[in-house]
PDB file of N, CA and C in Angstrom:
ATOM      1  N   MET A   1       0.803  -1.188   0.000  1.00  0.00           N
ATOM      2  CA  MET A   1       0.000   0.000   0.000  1.00  0.00           C
ATOM      3  C   MET A   1       0.853   1.262   0.000  1.00  0.00           C
ATOM      4  N   ASN A   2       2.122   1.095   0.380  1.00  0.00           N
ATOM      5  CA  ASN A   2       3.011   2.237   0.506  1.00  0.00           C
ATOM      6  C   ASN A   2       4.267   1.950  -0.305  1.00  0.00           C
ATOM      7  N   ASP A   3       4.664   2.875  -1.184  1.00  0.00           N
ATOM      8  CA  ASP A   3       5.840   2.642  -2.007  1.00  0.00           C
ATOM      9  C   ASP A   3       7.103   3.275  -1.412  1.00  0.00           C
ATOM     10  N   ASP A   4       7.048   3.648  -0.153  1.00  0.00           N
ATOM     11  CA  ASP A   4       8.192   4.222   0.537  1.00  0.00           C
ATOM     12  C   ASP A   4       9.184   3.114   0.891  1.00  0.00           C
ATOM     13  N   PHE A   5      10.494   3.394   0.730  1.00  0.00           N
ATOM     14  CA  PHE A   5      11.526   2.406   1.038  1.00  0.00           C
ATOM     15  C   PHE A   5      11.517   2.044   2.520  1.00  0.00           C
ATOM     16  N   GLY A   6      11.174   2.983   3.389  1.00  0.00           N
ATOM     17  CA  GLY A   6      11.106   2.718   4.818  1.00  0.00           C
ATOM     18  C   GLY A   6      10.065   1.668   5.163  1.00  0.00           C
ATOM     19  N   ALA A   7       9.025   1.563   4.347  1.00  0.00           N
ATOM     20  CA  ALA A   7       7.991   0.550   4.590  1.00  0.00           C
ATOM     21  C   ALA A   7       8.556  -0.854   4.385  1.00  0.00           C
ATOM     22  N   ILE A   8       9.499  -1.000   3.453  1.00  0.00           N
ATOM     23  CA  ILE A   8      10.127  -2.303   3.222  1.00  0.00           C
ATOM     24  C   ILE A   8      10.931  -2.713   4.459  1.00  0.00           C
ATOM     25  N   VAL A   9      11.685  -1.770   5.003  1.00  0.00           N
ATOM     26  CA  VAL A   9      12.485  -2.047   6.198  1.00  0.00           C
ATOM     27  C   VAL A   9      11.577  -2.412   7.373  1.00  0.00           C
ATOM     28  N   GLU A  10      10.486  -1.677   7.536  1.00  0.00           N
ATOM     29  CA  GLU A  10       9.538  -1.984   8.615  1.00  0.00           C
ATOM     30  C   GLU A  10       8.881  -3.349   8.407  1.00  0.00           C
ATOM     31  N   GLY A  11       8.609  -3.704   7.154  1.00  0.00           N
ATOM     32  CA  GLY A  11       8.039  -5.013   6.861  1.00  0.00           C
ATOM     33  C   GLY A  11       8.995  -6.142   7.206  1.00  0.00           C
ATOM     34  N   ILE A  12      10.273  -5.956   6.883  1.00  0.00           N
ATOM     35  CA  ILE A  12      11.283  -6.962   7.233  1.00  0.00           C
ATOM     36  C   ILE A  12      11.410  -7.072   8.745  1.00  0.00           C
ATOM     37  N   LYS A  13      11.413  -5.934   9.424  1.00  0.00           N
ATOM     38  CA  LYS A  13      11.509  -5.938  10.888  1.00  0.00           C
ATOM     39  C   LYS A  13      10.312  -6.657  11.505  1.00  0.00           C
ATOM     40  N   GLU A  14       9.126  -6.404  10.993  1.00  0.00           N
ATOM     41  CA  GLU A  14       7.926  -7.062  11.521  1.00  0.00           C
ATOM     42  C   GLU A  14       7.962  -8.566  11.253  1.00  0.00           C
ATOM     43  N   GLY A  15       8.434  -8.969  10.074  1.00  0.00           N
ATOM     44  CA  GLY A  15       8.551 -10.389   9.762  1.00  0.00           C
ATOM     45  C   GLY A  15       9.541 -11.092  10.672  1.00  0.00           C
ATOM     46  N   ARG A  16      10.661 -10.453  10.946  1.00  0.00           N
ATOM     47  CA  ARG A  16      11.641 -11.035  11.865  1.00  0.00           C
ATOM     48  C   ARG A  16      11.078 -11.128  13.273  1.00  0.00           C
ATOM     49  N   ASN A  17      10.303 -10.132  13.678  1.00  0.00           N
ATOM     50  CA  ASN A  17       9.700 -10.153  15.003  1.00  0.00           C
ATOM     51  C   ASN A  17       8.688 -11.295  15.119  1.00  0.00           C
ATOM     52  N   ILE A  18       7.884 -11.496  14.092  1.00  0.00           N
ATOM     53  CA  ILE A  18       6.905 -12.588  14.098  1.00  0.00           C
ATOM     54  C   ILE A  18       7.617 -13.941  14.179  1.00  0.00           C
ATOM     55  N   TYR A  19       8.686 -14.104  13.401  1.00  0.00           N
ATOM     56  CA  TYR A  19       9.452 -15.358  13.416  1.00  0.00           C
ATOM     57  C   TYR A  19      10.048 -15.598  14.803  1.00  0.00           C
ATOM     58  N   SER A  20      10.623 -14.557  15.386  1.00  0.00           N
ATOM     59  CA  SER A  20      11.224 -14.669  16.715  1.00  0.00           C
ATOM     60  C   SER A  20      10.174 -15.012  17.768  1.00  0.00           C
ATOM     61  N   ASN A  21       9.027 -14.372  17.710  1.00  0.00           N
ATOM     62  CA  ASN A  21       7.971 -14.644  18.685  1.00  0.00           C
ATOM     63  C   ASN A  21       7.391 -16.048  18.530  1.00  0.00           C
ATOM     64  N   LEU A  22       7.263 -16.522  17.291  1.00  0.00           N
ATOM     65  CA  LEU A  22       6.795 -17.898  17.075  1.00  0.00           C
ATOM     66  C   LEU A  22       7.772 -18.903  17.661  1.00  0.00           C
ATOM     67  N   LYS A  23       9.055 -18.640  17.489  1.00  0.00           N
ATOM     68  CA  LYS A  23      10.078 -19.532  18.026  1.00  0.00           C
ATOM     69  C   LYS A  23      10.009 -19.563  19.556  1.00  0.00           C
ATOM     70  N   LYS A  24       9.776 -18.407  20.176  1.00  0.00           N
ATOM     71  CA  LYS A  24       9.637 -18.343  21.636  1.00  0.00           C
ATOM     72  C   LYS A  24       8.407 -19.116  22.098  1.00  0.00           C
ATOM     73  N   CYS A  25       7.295 -18.963  21.399  1.00  0.00           N
ATOM     74  CA  CYS A  25       6.061 -19.669  21.773  1.00  0.00           C
ATOM     75  C   CYS A  25       6.240 -21.177  21.661  1.00  0.00           C
ATOM     76  N   ILE A  26       6.841 -21.623  20.588  1.00  0.00           N
ATOM     77  CA  ILE A  26       7.057 -23.055  20.381  1.00  0.00           C
ATOM     78  C   ILE A  26       7.992 -23.612  21.442  1.00  0.00           C
ATOM     79  N   THR A  27       9.065 -22.890  21.755  1.00  0.00           N
ATOM     80  CA  THR A  27       9.993 -23.347  22.791  1.00  0.00           C
ATOM     81  C   THR A  27       9.292 -23.449  24.136  1.00  0.00           C
ATOM     82  N   TYR A  28       8.449 -22.476  24.458  1.00  0.00           N
ATOM     83  CA  TYR A  28       7.720 -22.512  25.726  1.00  0.00           C
ATOM     84  C   TYR A  28       6.777 -23.710  25.795  1.00  0.00           C
ATOM     85  N   VAL A  29       6.029 -23.930  24.752  1.00  0.00           N
ATOM     86  CA  VAL A  29       5.065 -25.035  24.755  1.00  0.00           C
ATOM     87  C   VAL A  29       5.780 -26.384  24.786  1.00  0.00           C
ATOM     88  N   LEU A  30       6.871 -26.520  24.030  1.00  0.00           N
ATOM     89  CA  LEU A  30       7.609 -27.785  24.036  1.00  0.00           C
ATOM     90  C   LEU A  30       8.244 -28.052  25.389  1.00  0.00           C
ATOM     91  N   SER A  31       8.765 -27.006  26.034  1.00  0.00           N
ATOM     92  CA  SER A  31       9.443 -27.217  27.316  1.00  0.00           C
ATOM     93  C   SER A  31       8.478 -27.646  28.411  1.00  0.00           C
ATOM     94  N   SER A  32       7.218 -27.294  28.301  1.00  0.00           N
ATOM     95  CA  SER A  32       6.258 -27.697  29.338  1.00  0.00           C
ATOM     96  C   SER A  32       5.832 -29.144  29.183  1.00  0.00           C
ATOM     97  N   ASN A  33       6.148 -29.781  28.079  1.00  0.00           N
ATOM     98  CA  ASN A  33       5.765 -31.179  27.888  1.00  0.00           C
ATOM     99  C   ASN A  33       6.614 -32.137  28.718  1.00  0.00           C
ATOM    100  N   VAL A  34       7.880 -31.811  28.922  1.00  0.00           N
ATOM    101  CA  VAL A  34       8.782 -32.710  29.648  1.00  0.00           C
ATOM    102  C   VAL A  34       8.333 -32.911  31.093  1.00  0.00           C
ATOM    103  N   PRO A  35       8.090 -31.840  31.869  1.00  0.00           N
ATOM    104  CA  PRO A  35       7.666 -32.081  33.259  1.00  0.00           C
ATOM    105  C   PRO A  35       6.288 -32.725  33.377  1.00  0.00           C
ATOM    106  N   GLU A  36       5.532 -32.741  32.299  1.00  0.00           N
ATOM    107  CA  GLU A  36       4.225 -33.386  32.347  1.00  0.00           C
ATOM    108  C   GLU A  36       4.312 -34.879  32.075  1.00  0.00           C
ATOM    109  N   ILE A  37       5.256 -35.316  31.256  1.00  0.00           N
ATOM    110  CA  ILE A  37       5.334 -36.732  30.901  1.00  0.00           C
ATOM    111  C   ILE A  37       6.299 -37.513  31.781  1.00  0.00           C
ATOM    112  N   VAL A  38       7.358 -36.874  32.287  1.00  0.00           N
ATOM    113  CA  VAL A  38       8.360 -37.576  33.087  1.00  0.00           C
ATOM    114  C   VAL A  38       7.768 -38.200  34.348  1.00  0.00           C
ATOM    115  N   PRO A  39       6.889 -37.511  35.095  1.00  0.00           N
ATOM    116  CA  PRO A  39       6.323 -38.180  36.284  1.00  0.00           C
ATOM    117  C   PRO A  39       5.580 -39.477  35.958  1.00  0.00           C
ATOM    118  N   PHE A  40       4.910 -39.536  34.836  1.00  0.00           N
ATOM    119  CA  PHE A  40       4.203 -40.761  34.467  1.00  0.00           C
ATOM    120  C   PHE A  40       5.179 -41.865  34.092  1.00  0.00           C
ATOM    121  N   LEU A  41       6.257 -41.485  33.400  1.00  0.00           N
ATOM    122  CA  LEU A  41       7.264 -42.490  33.059  1.00  0.00           C
ATOM    123  C   LEU A  41       7.955 -43.017  34.309  1.00  0.00           C
ATOM    124  N   LEU A  42       8.272 -42.136  35.249  1.00  0.00           N
ATOM    125  CA  LEU A  42       8.900 -42.582  36.496  1.00  0.00           C
ATOM    126  C   LEU A  42       7.930 -43.385  37.358  1.00  0.00           C
ATOM    127  N   PHE A  43       6.650 -43.077  37.274  1.00  0.00           N
ATOM    128  CA  PHE A  43       5.651 -43.866  37.996  1.00  0.00           C
ATOM    129  C   PHE A  43       5.580 -45.282  37.439  1.00  0.00           C
ATOM    130  N   ILE A  44       5.628 -45.392  36.120  1.00  0.00           N
ATOM    131  CA  ILE A  44       5.547 -46.706  35.483  1.00  0.00           C
ATOM    132  C   ILE A  44       6.837 -47.500  35.686  1.00  0.00           C
ATOM    133  N   LEU A  45       7.985 -46.842  35.481  1.00  0.00           N
ATOM    134  CA  LEU A  45       9.266 -47.549  35.518  1.00  0.00           C
ATOM    135  C   LEU A  45       9.820 -47.749  36.931  1.00  0.00           C
ATOM    136  N   ALA A  46       9.716 -46.725  37.791  1.00  0.00           N
ATOM    137  CA  ALA A  46      10.358 -46.791  39.100  1.00  0.00           C
ATOM    138  C   ALA A  46       9.368 -46.793  40.254  1.00  0.00           C
ATOM    139  N   LYS A  47       8.076 -46.774  39.963  1.00  0.00           N
ATOM    140  CA  LYS A  47       7.024 -46.761  40.977  1.00  0.00           C
ATOM    141  C   LYS A  47       7.116 -45.551  41.914  1.00  0.00           C
ATOM    142  N   TRP A  48       7.607 -44.395  41.379  1.00  0.00           N
ATOM    143  CA  TRP A  48       7.592 -43.155  42.163  1.00  0.00           C
ATOM    144  C   TRP A  48       6.154 -42.672  42.233  1.00  0.00           C
ATOM    145  N   PRO A  49       5.766 -42.049  43.333  1.00  0.00           N
ATOM    146  CA  PRO A  49       4.375 -41.589  43.433  1.00  0.00           C
ATOM    147  C   PRO A  49       4.091 -40.410  42.504  1.00  0.00           C
ATOM    148  N   LEU A  50       2.846 -40.353  42.053  1.00  0.00           N
ATOM    149  CA  LEU A  50       2.418 -39.234  41.213  1.00  0.00           C
ATOM    150  C   LEU A  50       2.013 -38.061  42.102  1.00  0.00           C
ATOM    151  N   GLY A  51       2.488 -36.874  41.758  1.00  0.00           N
ATOM    152  CA  GLY A  51       2.135 -35.690  42.519  1.00  0.00           C
ATOM    153  C   GLY A  51       0.751 -35.175  42.171  1.00  0.00           C
ATOM    154  N   LEU A  52       0.362 -35.336  40.918  1.00  0.00           N
ATOM    155  CA  LEU A  52      -0.931 -34.856  40.437  1.00  0.00           C
ATOM    156  C   LEU A  52      -1.596 -35.936  39.598  1.00  0.00           C
ATOM    157  N   GLU A  53      -2.901 -35.942  39.628  1.00  0.00           N
ATOM    158  CA  GLU A  53      -3.648 -36.857  38.768  1.00  0.00           C
ATOM    159  C   GLU A  53      -3.651 -36.314  37.337  1.00  0.00           C
ATOM    160  N   THR A  54      -4.014 -37.162  36.400  1.00  0.00           N
ATOM    161  CA  THR A  54      -3.992 -36.802  34.991  1.00  0.00           C
ATOM    162  C   THR A  54      -4.900 -35.617  34.685  1.00  0.00           C
ATOM    163  N   ILE A  55      -6.090 -35.619  35.211  1.00  0.00           N
ATOM    164  CA  ILE A  55      -7.031 -34.532  34.928  1.00  0.00           C
ATOM    165  C   ILE A  55      -6.528 -33.215  35.503  1.00  0.00           C
ATOM    166  N   MET A  56      -5.838 -33.272  36.640  1.00  0.00           N
ATOM    167  CA  MET A  56      -5.283 -32.050  37.223  1.00  0.00           C
ATOM    168  C   MET A  56      -4.189 -31.461  36.339  1.00  0.00           C
ATOM    169  N   ILE A  57      -3.365 -32.328  35.774  1.00  0.00           N
ATOM    170  CA  ILE A  57      -2.308 -31.863  34.886  1.00  0.00           C
ATOM    171  C   ILE A  57      -2.908 -31.237  33.634  1.00  0.00           C
ATOM    172  N   LEU A  58      -3.971 -31.832  33.107  1.00  0.00           N
ATOM    173  CA  LEU A  58      -4.627 -31.253  31.932  1.00  0.00           C
ATOM    174  C   LEU A  58      -5.228 -29.884  32.234  1.00  0.00           C
ATOM    175  N   ILE A  59      -5.838 -29.739  33.395  1.00  0.00           N
ATOM    176  CA  ILE A  59      -6.420 -28.450  33.775  1.00  0.00           C
ATOM    177  C   ILE A  59      -5.325 -27.401  33.951  1.00  0.00           C
ATOM    178  N   ILE A  60      -4.239 -27.778  34.606  1.00  0.00           N
ATOM    179  CA  ILE A  60      -3.117 -26.852  34.775  1.00  0.00           C
ATOM    180  C   ILE A  60      -2.528 -26.494  33.422  1.00  0.00           C
ATOM    181  N   ASP A  61      -2.426 -27.467  32.545  1.00  0.00           N
ATOM    182  CA  ASP A  61      -1.875 -27.237  31.208  1.00  0.00           C
ATOM    183  C   ASP A  61      -2.721 -26.230  30.436  1.00  0.00           C
ATOM    184  N   LEU A  62      -4.021 -26.395  30.479  1.00  0.00           N
ATOM    185  CA  LEU A  62      -4.907 -25.460  29.782  1.00  0.00           C
ATOM    186  C   LEU A  62      -4.838 -24.066  30.384  1.00  0.00           C
ATOM    187  N   GLY A  63      -4.726 -23.994  31.695  1.00  0.00           N
ATOM    188  CA  GLY A  63      -4.710 -22.703  32.361  1.00  0.00           C
ATOM    189  C   GLY A  63      -3.398 -21.962  32.271  1.00  0.00           C
ATOM    190  N   THR A  64      -2.299 -22.691  32.184  1.00  0.00           N
ATOM    191  CA  THR A  64      -0.993 -22.027  32.221  1.00  0.00           C
ATOM    192  C   THR A  64      -0.309 -21.918  30.870  1.00  0.00           C
ATOM    193  N   ASP A  65      -0.751 -22.608  29.867  1.00  0.00           N
ATOM    194  CA  ASP A  65      -0.093 -22.516  28.563  1.00  0.00           C
ATOM    195  C   ASP A  65      -0.670 -21.419  27.684  1.00  0.00           C
ATOM    196  N   LEU A  66      -1.934 -21.149  27.817  1.00  0.00           N
ATOM    197  CA  LEU A  66      -2.601 -20.230  26.898  1.00  0.00           C
ATOM    198  C   LEU A  66      -2.154 -18.781  27.072  1.00  0.00           C
ATOM    199  N   ALA A  67      -2.271 -18.235  28.269  1.00  0.00           N
ATOM    200  CA  ALA A  67      -1.957 -16.816  28.496  1.00  0.00           C
ATOM    201  C   ALA A  67      -0.480 -16.474  28.251  1.00  0.00           C
ATOM    202  N   PRO A  68       0.477 -17.259  28.775  1.00  0.00           N
ATOM    203  CA  PRO A  68       1.877 -16.920  28.484  1.00  0.00           C
ATOM    204  C   PRO A  68       2.233 -17.024  27.008  1.00  0.00           C
ATOM    205  N   THR A  69       1.654 -17.988  26.316  1.00  0.00           N
ATOM    206  CA  THR A  69       1.951 -18.128  24.899  1.00  0.00           C
ATOM    207  C   THR A  69       1.411 -16.945  24.111  1.00  0.00           C
ATOM    208  N   ILE A  70       0.220 -16.482  24.461  1.00  0.00           N
ATOM    209  CA  ILE A  70      -0.341 -15.303  23.786  1.00  0.00           C
ATOM    210  C   ILE A  70       0.506 -14.075  24.064  1.00  0.00           C
ATOM    211  N   SER A  71       0.976 -13.938  25.306  1.00  0.00           N
ATOM    212  CA  SER A  71       1.808 -12.772  25.622  1.00  0.00           C
ATOM    213  C   SER A  71       3.142 -12.833  24.895  1.00  0.00           C
ATOM    214  N   LEU A  72       3.695 -14.028  24.708  1.00  0.00           N
ATOM    215  CA  LEU A  72       4.938 -14.149  23.936  1.00  0.00           C
ATOM    216  C   LEU A  72       4.712 -13.811  22.467  1.00  0.00           C
ATOM    217  N   ALA A  73       3.542 -14.122  21.956  1.00  0.00           N
ATOM    218  CA  ALA A  73       3.251 -13.853  20.548  1.00  0.00           C
ATOM    219  C   ALA A  73       3.187 -12.361  20.245  1.00  0.00           C
ATOM    220  N   TYR A  74       2.791 -11.558  21.212  1.00  0.00           N
ATOM    221  CA  TYR A  74       2.659 -10.117  20.998  1.00  0.00           C
ATOM    222  C   TYR A  74       3.816  -9.311  21.583  1.00  0.00           C
ATOM    223  N   GLU A  75       4.928  -9.959  21.863  1.00  0.00           N
ATOM    224  CA  GLU A  75       6.079  -9.277  22.426  1.00  0.00           C
ATOM    225  C   GLU A  75       6.698  -8.333  21.398  1.00  0.00           C
ATOM    226  N   GLU A  76       7.175  -7.198  21.875  1.00  0.00           N
ATOM    227  CA  GLU A  76       7.815  -6.211  20.997  1.00  0.00           C
ATOM    228  C   GLU A  76       9.154  -6.743  20.479  1.00  0.00           C
ATOM    229  N   ALA A  77       9.600  -6.205  19.366  1.00  0.00           N
ATOM    230  CA  ALA A  77      10.863  -6.627  18.769  1.00  0.00           C
ATOM    231  C   ALA A  77      12.042  -6.156  19.616  1.00  0.00           C
ATOM    232  N   GLU A  78      13.098  -6.976  19.654  1.00  0.00           N
ATOM    233  CA  GLU A  78      14.314  -6.584  20.336  1.00  0.00           C
ATOM    234  C   GLU A  78      15.005  -5.474  19.556  1.00  0.00           C
ATOM    235  N   ASP A  79      15.851  -4.724  20.228  1.00  0.00           N
ATOM    236  CA  ASP A  79      16.541  -3.609  19.581  1.00  0.00           C
ATOM    237  C   ASP A  79      17.487  -4.074  18.469  1.00  0.00           C
ATOM    238  N   GLU A  80      18.088  -5.221  18.648  1.00  0.00           N
ATOM    239  CA  GLU A  80      19.105  -5.710  17.716  1.00  0.00           C
ATOM    240  C   GLU A  80      18.538  -6.626  16.631  1.00  0.00           C
ATOM    241  N   ILE A  81      17.242  -6.642  16.442  1.00  0.00           N
ATOM    242  CA  ILE A  81      16.641  -7.611  15.518  1.00  0.00           C
ATOM    243  C   ILE A  81      17.057  -7.362  14.063  1.00  0.00           C
ATOM    244  N   MET A  82      17.328  -6.132  13.717  1.00  0.00           N
ATOM    245  CA  MET A  82      17.738  -5.840  12.342  1.00  0.00           C
ATOM    246  C   MET A  82      19.236  -6.062  12.117  1.00  0.00           C
ATOM    247  N   ASN A  83      20.004  -6.290  13.186  1.00  0.00           N
ATOM    248  CA  ASN A  83      21.435  -6.574  13.046  1.00  0.00           C
ATOM    249  C   ASN A  83      21.721  -8.058  12.876  1.00  0.00           C
ATOM    250  N   VAL A  84      20.712  -8.888  13.048  1.00  0.00           N
ATOM    251  CA  VAL A  84      20.865 -10.330  12.881  1.00  0.00           C
ATOM    252  C   VAL A  84      20.925 -10.649  11.394  1.00  0.00           C
ATOM    253  N   LYS A  85      21.817 -11.590  11.040  1.00  0.00           N
ATOM    254  CA  LYS A  85      21.923 -11.996   9.639  1.00  0.00           C
ATOM    255  C   LYS A  85      20.607 -12.631   9.171  1.00  0.00           C
ATOM    256  N   PRO A  86      20.275 -12.493   7.904  1.00  0.00           N
ATOM    257  CA  PRO A  86      19.062 -13.146   7.384  1.00  0.00           C
ATOM    258  C   PRO A  86      19.176 -14.663   7.486  1.00  0.00           C
ATOM    259  N   ARG A  87      18.033 -15.322   7.643  1.00  0.00           N
ATOM    260  CA  ARG A  87      18.015 -16.777   7.729  1.00  0.00           C
ATOM    261  C   ARG A  87      18.315 -17.373   6.364  1.00  0.00           C
ATOM    262  N   THR A  88      18.865 -18.571   6.395  1.00  0.00           N
ATOM    263  CA  THR A  88      19.095 -19.300   5.149  1.00  0.00           C
ATOM    264  C   THR A  88      17.802 -20.000   4.758  1.00  0.00           C
ATOM    265  N   PRO A  89      17.648 -20.360   3.488  1.00  0.00           N
ATOM    266  CA  PRO A  89      16.405 -21.030   3.059  1.00  0.00           C
ATOM    267  C   PRO A  89      16.167 -22.377   3.748  1.00  0.00           C
ATOM    268  N   ASP A  90      17.222 -23.040   4.198  1.00  0.00           N
ATOM    269  CA  ASP A  90      17.039 -24.338   4.853  1.00  0.00           C
ATOM    270  C   ASP A  90      16.921 -24.218   6.377  1.00  0.00           C
ATOM    271  N   ASP A  91      16.840 -23.000   6.908  1.00  0.00           N
ATOM    272  CA  ASP A  91      16.661 -22.776   8.337  1.00  0.00           C
ATOM    273  C   ASP A  91      15.190 -23.002   8.693  1.00  0.00           C
ATOM    274  N   HIS A  92      14.946 -23.855   9.663  1.00  0.00           N
ATOM    275  CA  HIS A  92      13.578 -24.213  10.041  1.00  0.00           C
ATOM    276  C   HIS A  92      13.170 -23.516  11.335  1.00  0.00           C
ATOM    277  N   LEU A  93      11.884 -23.407  11.546  1.00  0.00           N
ATOM    278  CA  LEU A  93      11.352 -22.792  12.757  1.00  0.00           C
ATOM    279  C   LEU A  93      11.718 -23.615  13.988  1.00  0.00           C
ATOM    280  N   ILE A  94      11.609 -24.920  13.870  1.00  0.00           N
ATOM    281  CA  ILE A  94      12.003 -25.815  14.961  1.00  0.00           C
ATOM    282  C   ILE A  94      13.271 -26.538  14.528  1.00  0.00           C
ATOM    283  N   SER A  95      14.388 -26.127  15.098  1.00  0.00           N
ATOM    284  CA  SER A  95      15.675 -26.738  14.776  1.00  0.00           C
ATOM    285  C   SER A  95      16.087 -27.671  15.912  1.00  0.00           C
ATOM    286  N   TRP A  96      17.199 -28.370  15.715  1.00  0.00           N
ATOM    287  CA  TRP A  96      17.710 -29.239  16.761  1.00  0.00           C
ATOM    288  C   TRP A  96      18.106 -28.423  17.984  1.00  0.00           C
ATOM    289  N   ARG A  97      18.573 -27.206  17.764  1.00  0.00           N
ATOM    290  CA  ARG A  97      18.969 -26.343  18.874  1.00  0.00           C
ATOM    291  C   ARG A  97      17.746 -25.963  19.712  1.00  0.00           C
ATOM    292  N   VAL A  98      16.651 -25.596  19.055  1.00  0.00           N
ATOM    293  CA  VAL A  98      15.427 -25.244  19.773  1.00  0.00           C
ATOM    294  C   VAL A  98      14.903 -26.453  20.538  1.00  0.00           C
ATOM    295  N   MET A  99      14.932 -27.625  19.934  1.00  0.00           N
ATOM    296  CA  MET A  99      14.458 -28.821  20.622  1.00  0.00           C
ATOM    297  C   MET A  99      15.348 -29.159  21.815  1.00  0.00           C
ATOM    298  N   PHE A 100      16.662 -28.974  21.681  1.00  0.00           N
ATOM    299  CA  PHE A 100      17.557 -29.244  22.801  1.00  0.00           C
ATOM    300  C   PHE A 100      17.307 -28.268  23.943  1.00  0.00           C
ATOM    301  N   ILE A 101      17.114 -26.995  23.605  1.00  0.00           N
ATOM    302  CA  ILE A 101      16.832 -26.002  24.643  1.00  0.00           C
ATOM    303  C   ILE A 101      15.511 -26.321  25.331  1.00  0.00           C
ATOM    304  N   ALA A 102      14.488 -26.646  24.552  1.00  0.00           N
ATOM    305  CA  ALA A 102      13.160 -26.896  25.119  1.00  0.00           C
ATOM    306  C   ALA A 102      13.126 -28.178  25.939  1.00  0.00           C
ATOM    307  N   TYR A 103      13.582 -29.278  25.352  1.00  0.00           N
ATOM    308  CA  TYR A 103      13.488 -30.567  26.023  1.00  0.00           C
ATOM    309  C   TYR A 103      14.665 -30.823  26.958  1.00  0.00           C
ATOM    310  N   GLY A 104      15.863 -30.521  26.494  1.00  0.00           N
ATOM    311  CA  GLY A 104      17.063 -30.904  27.231  1.00  0.00           C
ATOM    312  C   GLY A 104      17.430 -30.020  28.390  1.00  0.00           C
ATOM    313  N   THR A 105      17.144 -28.754  28.325  1.00  0.00           N
ATOM    314  CA  THR A 105      17.551 -27.870  29.417  1.00  0.00           C
ATOM    315  C   THR A 105      16.359 -27.359  30.211  1.00  0.00           C
ATOM    316  N   ILE A 106      15.472 -26.623  29.571  1.00  0.00           N
ATOM    317  CA  ILE A 106      14.347 -26.023  30.292  1.00  0.00           C
ATOM    318  C   ILE A 106      13.426 -27.107  30.850  1.00  0.00           C
ATOM    319  N   GLY A 107      13.083 -28.085  30.050  1.00  0.00           N
ATOM    320  CA  GLY A 107      12.184 -29.149  30.504  1.00  0.00           C
ATOM    321  C   GLY A 107      12.762 -29.958  31.651  1.00  0.00           C
ATOM    322  N   VAL A 108      14.049 -30.270  31.568  1.00  0.00           N
ATOM    323  CA  VAL A 108      14.693 -31.041  32.636  1.00  0.00           C
ATOM    324  C   VAL A 108      14.753 -30.222  33.919  1.00  0.00           C
ATOM    325  N   LEU A 109      15.087 -28.944  33.816  1.00  0.00           N
ATOM    326  CA  LEU A 109      15.129 -28.087  35.003  1.00  0.00           C
ATOM    327  C   LEU A 109      13.753 -27.946  35.644  1.00  0.00           C
ATOM    328  N   GLU A 110      12.714 -27.809  34.828  1.00  0.00           N
ATOM    329  CA  GLU A 110      11.352 -27.744  35.375  1.00  0.00           C
ATOM    330  C   GLU A 110      10.974 -29.046  36.071  1.00  0.00           C
ATOM    331  N   THR A 111      11.369 -30.172  35.503  1.00  0.00           N
ATOM    332  CA  THR A 111      11.071 -31.459  36.105  1.00  0.00           C
ATOM    333  C   THR A 111      11.767 -31.606  37.451  1.00  0.00           C
ATOM    334  N   ILE A 112      13.038 -31.250  37.501  1.00  0.00           N
ATOM    335  CA  ILE A 112      13.793 -31.354  38.753  1.00  0.00           C
ATOM    336  C   ILE A 112      13.189 -30.432  39.814  1.00  0.00           C
ATOM    337  N   ALA A 113      12.836 -29.214  39.424  1.00  0.00           N
ATOM    338  CA  ALA A 113      12.238 -28.279  40.372  1.00  0.00           C
ATOM    339  C   ALA A 113      10.892 -28.783  40.879  1.00  0.00           C
ATOM    340  N   ALA A 114      10.094 -29.377  39.999  1.00  0.00           N
ATOM    341  CA  ALA A 114       8.793 -29.886  40.411  1.00  0.00           C
ATOM    342  C   ALA A 114       8.958 -31.059  41.374  1.00  0.00           C
ATOM    343  N   TYR A 115       9.886 -31.971  41.083  1.00  0.00           N
ATOM    344  CA  TYR A 115      10.104 -33.088  41.995  1.00  0.00           C
ATOM    345  C   TYR A 115      10.689 -32.623  43.321  1.00  0.00           C
ATOM    346  N   PHE A 116      11.557 -31.634  43.288  1.00  0.00           N
ATOM    347  CA  PHE A 116      12.109 -31.087  44.526  1.00  0.00           C
ATOM    348  C   PHE A 116      10.991 -30.501  45.389  1.00  0.00           C
ATOM    349  N   ALA A 117      10.088 -29.763  44.771  1.00  0.00           N
ATOM    350  CA  ALA A 117       8.965 -29.182  45.525  1.00  0.00           C
ATOM    351  C   ALA A 117       8.016 -30.273  46.019  1.00  0.00           C
ATOM    352  N   PHE A 118       7.838 -31.323  45.239  1.00  0.00           N
ATOM    353  CA  PHE A 118       6.918 -32.396  45.628  1.00  0.00           C
ATOM    354  C   PHE A 118       7.440 -33.186  46.821  1.00  0.00           C
ATOM    355  N   PHE A 119       8.704 -33.583  46.746  1.00  0.00           N
ATOM    356  CA  PHE A 119       9.261 -34.393  47.824  1.00  0.00           C
ATOM    357  C   PHE A 119       9.608 -33.549  49.030  1.00  0.00           C
TER     358      PHE A 119
END
C-alpha cells in the first residue's frame, strides 16, 4: 500500500519479530511437555508416586499454557533484531537447537524443580 523504502524495512523488521515470537512460543510449549510426561514415566518404571492426577495436569496445562503463549506472541521486537543476519532457506522454525533447549535444558530443570517441591 506504501511505495516508501522505509515501509520495506519496517516489513522486514515485523517479519523477523513474528518469526522470533513464534520460536519463543514453540519453545515454551515444548518445554512444558517434559515435566508433564516424566512423572508418568517414572511412575511406570520406578514406581515413584504421582504428585498430580492426569485430569489435574490437563487443567493446569490449559490454564498455564494459553496466556503466556499469547503474551509471547505479541512481544515487541528486540533492539538488535535488524542486526541479525538473514536466515538461510534451509533454516527451520524448529531446529535441533530449539528442541535441545526446550526438552534438554528447560524441561529437565522444570522437572527437577517440580520433583524437589513435591518431595
